[in-house]
N, C-alpha and C. Protein backbone atom coordinates (compact mmCIF):
# COMPACT_ATOMS: atom_id res chain seq x y z
N MET A 1 110.51 -163.38 -199.23
CA MET A 1 109.70 -162.06 -198.81
C MET A 1 110.02 -160.88 -200.02
N LYS A 2 111.29 -160.85 -200.36
CA LYS A 2 111.53 -159.68 -201.53
C LYS A 2 110.47 -160.14 -202.88
N ASP A 3 110.34 -160.97 -203.41
CA ASP A 3 109.44 -161.54 -204.31
C ASP A 3 108.10 -161.19 -203.99
N ARG A 4 107.81 -161.28 -202.81
CA ARG A 4 105.98 -161.16 -202.46
C ARG A 4 105.98 -159.38 -202.66
N HIS A 5 107.08 -158.68 -201.89
CA HIS A 5 106.97 -157.22 -201.86
C HIS A 5 106.72 -156.55 -203.66
N ALA A 6 107.53 -157.54 -204.51
CA ALA A 6 107.61 -156.82 -205.68
C ALA A 6 106.35 -157.24 -206.57
N ARG A 7 105.93 -158.42 -206.30
CA ARG A 7 104.69 -158.76 -206.98
C ARG A 7 103.60 -158.26 -206.27
N SER A 8 103.70 -157.33 -204.99
CA SER A 8 102.83 -156.58 -204.56
C SER A 8 102.82 -155.23 -204.96
N ALA A 9 103.74 -154.74 -205.60
CA ALA A 9 104.29 -153.31 -206.09
C ALA A 9 103.67 -153.42 -207.26
N LEU A 10 103.94 -154.28 -207.91
CA LEU A 10 103.91 -154.43 -209.27
C LEU A 10 102.59 -155.09 -210.04
N ALA A 11 101.53 -155.41 -208.73
CA ALA A 11 100.29 -155.86 -209.07
C ALA A 11 99.59 -155.12 -210.27
N GLY A 12 99.66 -153.84 -210.30
CA GLY A 12 98.57 -153.34 -211.43
C GLY A 12 99.13 -153.01 -212.49
N ALA A 13 100.45 -153.11 -212.22
CA ALA A 13 101.19 -153.02 -213.90
C ALA A 13 100.80 -153.55 -214.99
N LYS A 14 100.80 -153.15 -215.88
CA LYS A 14 100.53 -153.69 -216.88
C LYS A 14 101.96 -153.85 -218.15
N PRO A 15 102.18 -154.59 -218.81
CA PRO A 15 103.20 -154.76 -219.71
C PRO A 15 103.34 -154.09 -221.32
N VAL A 16 103.10 -153.00 -221.07
CA VAL A 16 102.58 -151.89 -222.15
C VAL A 16 103.76 -151.08 -222.26
N PRO A 17 104.86 -150.42 -223.02
CA PRO A 17 105.35 -149.06 -223.11
C PRO A 17 104.18 -147.82 -223.04
N PHE A 18 105.34 -147.52 -221.71
CA PHE A 18 104.24 -146.04 -221.43
C PHE A 18 103.96 -145.12 -222.34
N TRP A 19 104.96 -145.00 -223.46
CA TRP A 19 104.11 -143.88 -224.68
C TRP A 19 103.22 -144.48 -225.67
N LEU A 20 102.79 -146.02 -225.45
CA LEU A 20 101.50 -146.73 -226.18
C LEU A 20 100.16 -146.79 -224.87
N ASP A 21 100.45 -146.58 -223.80
CA ASP A 21 99.59 -146.78 -222.93
C ASP A 21 98.70 -145.32 -222.93
N ARG A 22 98.34 -144.87 -223.46
CA ARG A 22 97.51 -143.75 -223.59
C ARG A 22 96.32 -143.51 -224.53
N PRO A 23 95.23 -143.40 -224.14
CA PRO A 23 93.67 -143.11 -224.74
C PRO A 23 94.15 -142.40 -226.06
N ASP A 24 94.86 -141.61 -226.33
CA ASP A 24 95.01 -141.01 -227.25
C ASP A 24 95.95 -141.48 -228.15
N ALA A 25 96.81 -142.81 -227.96
CA ALA A 25 97.70 -143.35 -228.81
C ALA A 25 97.09 -143.42 -230.14
N PRO A 26 97.77 -143.11 -231.52
CA PRO A 26 97.11 -143.63 -232.83
C PRO A 26 97.00 -145.31 -232.84
N GLN A 27 96.18 -145.57 -233.58
CA GLN A 27 95.80 -146.81 -234.00
C GLN A 27 96.89 -147.08 -234.95
N PRO A 28 97.13 -148.31 -234.82
CA PRO A 28 98.11 -148.84 -235.97
C PRO A 28 97.83 -148.65 -237.41
N ALA A 29 98.58 -148.13 -238.42
CA ALA A 29 98.37 -148.45 -239.38
C ALA A 29 97.92 -149.83 -240.24
N PRO A 30 97.27 -149.86 -241.54
CA PRO A 30 97.02 -150.95 -241.94
C PRO A 30 97.91 -151.88 -242.54
N ALA A 31 98.34 -153.18 -242.38
CA ALA A 31 99.51 -153.72 -242.81
C ALA A 31 99.66 -153.48 -244.29
N LEU A 32 100.58 -153.59 -244.58
CA LEU A 32 101.44 -152.87 -246.23
C LEU A 32 101.14 -154.11 -247.20
N ARG A 33 100.45 -154.17 -248.14
CA ARG A 33 100.27 -155.11 -249.07
C ARG A 33 100.56 -154.71 -250.53
N GLY A 34 101.33 -155.52 -250.87
CA GLY A 34 101.65 -155.00 -252.42
C GLY A 34 102.93 -154.51 -252.36
N LYS A 35 103.29 -153.70 -253.86
CA LYS A 35 104.54 -152.99 -253.91
C LYS A 35 104.35 -151.72 -253.53
N ILE A 36 105.55 -151.05 -253.19
CA ILE A 36 105.75 -149.48 -252.73
C ILE A 36 106.91 -149.10 -253.11
N SER A 37 107.31 -147.81 -253.69
CA SER A 37 108.33 -147.39 -253.94
C SER A 37 108.73 -146.20 -253.00
N ALA A 38 110.02 -145.80 -252.82
CA ALA A 38 110.32 -144.76 -251.81
C ALA A 38 111.69 -144.50 -251.80
N ASP A 39 112.12 -143.00 -251.52
CA ASP A 39 113.41 -142.38 -251.52
C ASP A 39 114.29 -143.29 -250.70
N LEU A 40 113.47 -143.74 -249.43
CA LEU A 40 114.27 -143.92 -248.21
C LEU A 40 113.10 -144.96 -247.47
N ALA A 41 113.76 -146.52 -247.43
CA ALA A 41 113.37 -147.47 -246.69
C ALA A 41 113.64 -147.74 -245.11
N VAL A 42 113.08 -147.49 -244.12
CA VAL A 42 113.76 -147.60 -242.73
C VAL A 42 112.75 -149.00 -242.25
N ILE A 43 113.89 -149.94 -242.01
CA ILE A 43 113.15 -151.13 -241.67
C ILE A 43 113.25 -151.35 -239.60
N GLY A 44 112.50 -151.06 -238.99
CA GLY A 44 112.57 -151.06 -237.81
C GLY A 44 111.86 -149.67 -237.23
N GLY A 45 110.78 -150.18 -236.31
CA GLY A 45 110.07 -148.99 -235.95
C GLY A 45 110.68 -148.75 -234.08
N GLY A 46 111.95 -149.21 -233.99
CA GLY A 46 112.34 -148.73 -232.70
C GLY A 46 112.64 -147.41 -232.85
N PHE A 47 113.56 -146.82 -231.71
CA PHE A 47 114.01 -145.11 -231.58
C PHE A 47 114.87 -145.19 -232.63
N THR A 48 115.98 -145.90 -232.93
CA THR A 48 116.70 -145.84 -233.91
C THR A 48 115.88 -145.73 -235.46
N GLY A 49 115.15 -146.44 -235.76
CA GLY A 49 114.62 -146.29 -237.09
C GLY A 49 113.65 -145.21 -236.70
N LEU A 50 113.01 -145.07 -235.77
CA LEU A 50 112.12 -143.61 -236.08
C LEU A 50 112.73 -142.61 -236.24
N TRP A 51 113.77 -142.49 -235.44
CA TRP A 51 114.67 -140.92 -235.60
C TRP A 51 115.30 -140.85 -236.93
N ALA A 52 115.79 -142.10 -237.75
CA ALA A 52 116.40 -141.57 -238.71
C ALA A 52 114.95 -141.61 -239.70
N ALA A 53 114.08 -141.94 -239.76
CA ALA A 53 112.95 -141.80 -240.36
C ALA A 53 112.64 -140.43 -240.04
N LEU A 54 112.58 -139.98 -239.08
CA LEU A 54 111.97 -138.30 -238.95
C LEU A 54 112.98 -137.50 -239.57
N LEU A 55 114.54 -137.57 -239.07
CA LEU A 55 115.29 -137.13 -239.61
C LEU A 55 115.51 -136.81 -240.98
N ALA A 56 115.42 -137.67 -241.72
CA ALA A 56 115.66 -137.97 -243.12
C ALA A 56 114.43 -136.80 -243.62
N LYS A 57 113.11 -137.01 -243.11
CA LYS A 57 112.26 -136.22 -243.44
C LYS A 57 112.51 -134.69 -243.53
N GLU A 58 112.93 -134.71 -242.24
CA GLU A 58 112.96 -133.15 -241.87
C GLU A 58 114.40 -132.75 -242.75
N SER A 59 115.18 -133.24 -243.17
CA SER A 59 116.36 -132.84 -243.62
C SER A 59 116.09 -132.52 -245.26
N ASP A 60 114.74 -133.44 -245.73
CA ASP A 60 114.36 -133.39 -247.38
C ASP A 60 112.85 -133.34 -247.30
N PRO A 61 111.92 -132.57 -246.81
CA PRO A 61 110.62 -132.67 -246.73
C PRO A 61 109.97 -133.59 -248.18
N GLY A 62 110.51 -133.31 -249.16
CA GLY A 62 109.80 -133.40 -250.38
C GLY A 62 110.49 -135.44 -250.49
N ARG A 63 110.88 -135.75 -249.52
CA ARG A 63 111.44 -137.37 -250.08
C ARG A 63 110.38 -138.14 -249.50
N ASP A 64 110.24 -138.77 -249.77
CA ASP A 64 109.59 -139.99 -249.67
C ASP A 64 110.18 -141.32 -248.72
N VAL A 65 109.82 -140.79 -247.50
CA VAL A 65 110.04 -142.17 -246.50
C VAL A 65 109.26 -143.04 -245.81
N VAL A 66 109.40 -144.01 -245.74
CA VAL A 66 108.66 -145.11 -245.37
C VAL A 66 109.32 -145.91 -244.42
N LEU A 67 108.62 -146.44 -243.37
CA LEU A 67 109.21 -147.05 -242.18
C LEU A 67 108.28 -148.50 -242.25
N VAL A 68 109.23 -149.26 -241.88
CA VAL A 68 108.44 -150.83 -242.22
C VAL A 68 108.78 -151.57 -240.67
N GLU A 69 107.93 -151.83 -240.11
CA GLU A 69 107.83 -152.36 -238.87
C GLU A 69 107.16 -153.84 -238.83
N GLY A 70 107.56 -154.63 -238.36
CA GLY A 70 107.20 -156.24 -238.61
C GLY A 70 105.98 -156.43 -237.63
N ARG A 71 105.84 -155.51 -236.47
CA ARG A 71 104.81 -155.96 -235.54
C ARG A 71 104.18 -154.48 -235.33
N ARG A 72 104.51 -153.72 -234.02
CA ARG A 72 104.11 -152.70 -234.04
C ARG A 72 105.46 -151.38 -233.71
N VAL A 73 105.25 -150.00 -233.89
CA VAL A 73 106.29 -149.63 -233.36
C VAL A 73 106.32 -149.39 -231.70
N ALA A 74 107.92 -149.38 -231.29
CA ALA A 74 108.41 -149.62 -230.02
C ALA A 74 108.11 -150.90 -229.47
N TRP A 75 107.83 -151.96 -230.43
CA TRP A 75 107.48 -153.70 -229.90
C TRP A 75 108.59 -154.14 -229.39
N ALA A 76 109.88 -154.38 -229.95
CA ALA A 76 110.91 -155.19 -229.36
C ALA A 76 111.48 -154.30 -228.43
N ALA A 77 112.95 -154.02 -228.44
CA ALA A 77 114.05 -153.33 -227.28
C ALA A 77 113.29 -152.04 -226.91
N THR A 78 112.72 -151.25 -227.86
CA THR A 78 112.29 -150.07 -227.58
C THR A 78 111.10 -150.12 -226.47
N GLY A 79 110.57 -150.83 -226.95
CA GLY A 79 109.25 -151.47 -225.70
C GLY A 79 109.59 -151.81 -224.16
N ARG A 80 110.82 -152.13 -224.29
CA ARG A 80 111.24 -153.10 -223.14
C ARG A 80 112.05 -152.10 -222.23
N ASN A 81 112.01 -152.29 -221.04
CA ASN A 81 112.60 -151.54 -220.02
C ASN A 81 114.06 -152.28 -219.76
N GLY A 82 115.35 -151.27 -220.06
CA GLY A 82 116.58 -151.93 -220.02
C GLY A 82 117.25 -151.28 -218.84
N GLY A 83 116.50 -150.35 -218.09
CA GLY A 83 117.30 -149.82 -216.95
C GLY A 83 116.97 -150.35 -215.79
N PHE A 84 117.57 -151.28 -215.81
CA PHE A 84 117.71 -152.28 -214.61
C PHE A 84 119.27 -152.84 -214.20
N CYS A 85 119.04 -153.29 -213.12
CA CYS A 85 120.75 -154.05 -212.72
C CYS A 85 120.17 -155.00 -211.72
N SER A 86 120.47 -156.24 -211.94
CA SER A 86 120.02 -157.44 -211.14
C SER A 86 121.20 -158.26 -210.55
N ALA A 87 121.49 -159.00 -209.79
CA ALA A 87 122.61 -159.77 -209.66
C ALA A 87 122.14 -161.40 -209.72
N SER A 88 121.21 -161.46 -210.17
CA SER A 88 120.54 -162.55 -210.54
C SER A 88 120.93 -163.40 -212.05
N LEU A 89 121.87 -164.75 -211.68
CA LEU A 89 122.15 -165.42 -212.67
C LEU A 89 121.26 -165.83 -213.48
N THR A 90 120.07 -166.33 -212.79
CA THR A 90 119.29 -167.22 -213.26
C THR A 90 118.06 -166.59 -213.71
N HIS A 91 118.05 -165.66 -213.72
CA HIS A 91 116.63 -164.72 -213.99
C HIS A 91 115.60 -164.92 -212.95
N GLY A 92 116.12 -164.68 -212.06
CA GLY A 92 114.69 -164.78 -211.17
C GLY A 92 115.05 -165.98 -209.96
N VAL A 93 114.47 -165.93 -208.96
CA VAL A 93 114.83 -166.97 -207.61
C VAL A 93 113.67 -168.30 -208.44
N THR A 94 112.40 -167.76 -208.65
CA THR A 94 111.74 -169.15 -208.99
C THR A 94 112.26 -169.87 -210.17
N ASN A 95 112.81 -169.03 -211.31
CA ASN A 95 113.15 -169.47 -212.44
C ASN A 95 114.65 -170.50 -212.16
N GLY A 96 115.50 -169.81 -211.04
CA GLY A 96 116.36 -170.75 -210.49
C GLY A 96 116.42 -171.77 -209.67
N LEU A 97 115.29 -171.88 -208.85
CA LEU A 97 114.67 -172.70 -208.28
C LEU A 97 114.05 -174.06 -208.82
N GLU A 98 113.53 -173.60 -210.21
CA GLU A 98 112.90 -174.69 -210.93
C GLU A 98 114.16 -175.42 -211.67
N ARG A 99 115.23 -174.69 -212.08
CA ARG A 99 116.01 -175.31 -213.21
C ARG A 99 117.50 -175.95 -212.52
N PHE A 100 117.97 -174.87 -211.06
CA PHE A 100 119.15 -175.19 -210.59
C PHE A 100 118.83 -175.47 -208.99
N GLY A 101 117.94 -176.00 -208.82
CA GLY A 101 117.32 -176.04 -207.12
C GLY A 101 118.85 -176.12 -206.15
N ASP A 102 119.33 -177.34 -206.19
CA ASP A 102 120.60 -177.37 -205.42
C ASP A 102 121.51 -176.47 -205.60
N GLU A 103 122.04 -176.06 -206.65
CA GLU A 103 122.96 -174.84 -207.32
C GLU A 103 122.58 -173.66 -206.91
N LEU A 104 121.26 -173.19 -206.69
CA LEU A 104 120.63 -171.66 -206.39
C LEU A 104 121.85 -170.96 -205.26
N PRO A 105 121.77 -171.54 -204.28
CA PRO A 105 122.75 -170.97 -203.10
C PRO A 105 124.05 -170.33 -203.57
N VAL A 106 124.87 -171.25 -204.45
CA VAL A 106 125.97 -170.69 -205.31
C VAL A 106 126.19 -169.92 -206.03
N LEU A 107 125.11 -169.77 -207.10
CA LEU A 107 124.48 -169.04 -207.98
C LEU A 107 124.35 -167.76 -207.38
N ASP A 108 123.16 -167.70 -206.49
CA ASP A 108 123.23 -166.31 -205.55
C ASP A 108 124.04 -165.73 -205.08
N ARG A 109 124.85 -166.39 -204.68
CA ARG A 109 126.57 -165.90 -203.83
C ARG A 109 127.10 -165.32 -204.78
N LEU A 110 127.72 -165.78 -205.97
CA LEU A 110 128.29 -165.53 -206.90
C LEU A 110 127.48 -164.49 -208.01
N GLY A 111 126.41 -164.49 -207.97
CA GLY A 111 125.84 -163.06 -208.62
C GLY A 111 125.86 -161.96 -208.23
N ARG A 112 125.59 -162.02 -206.41
CA ARG A 112 125.89 -160.73 -205.93
C ARG A 112 127.52 -160.06 -206.04
N ARG A 113 128.40 -161.42 -206.18
CA ARG A 113 129.66 -160.87 -205.56
C ARG A 113 130.20 -160.26 -207.03
N ASN A 114 129.38 -160.89 -208.10
CA ASN A 114 129.78 -160.38 -209.26
C ASN A 114 129.37 -158.86 -209.53
């Protein structure tokens, strides 16, 4: 019953980070081709990389700062919700039933106790 309510509540949700799900969001820059040089290269466009690049540029506006991201800014951990808590040891009831069938009641009890 709980899963049915969750599916209903999330029916219209899209797996897109809030800050990228806007009509005015900038288009991705073209892929980097060839060689470039910079005073500072920041690898990774998550929160940490973005702040590092921004603060480096703010501290010295004449500094050439390049941010290199393999996919898109905020794609990996930054684009995923980490603000949740779950007692599931099986990553959800459906997954638990498929993989641990007979053991699920014990795993569910242990997860709640944990």
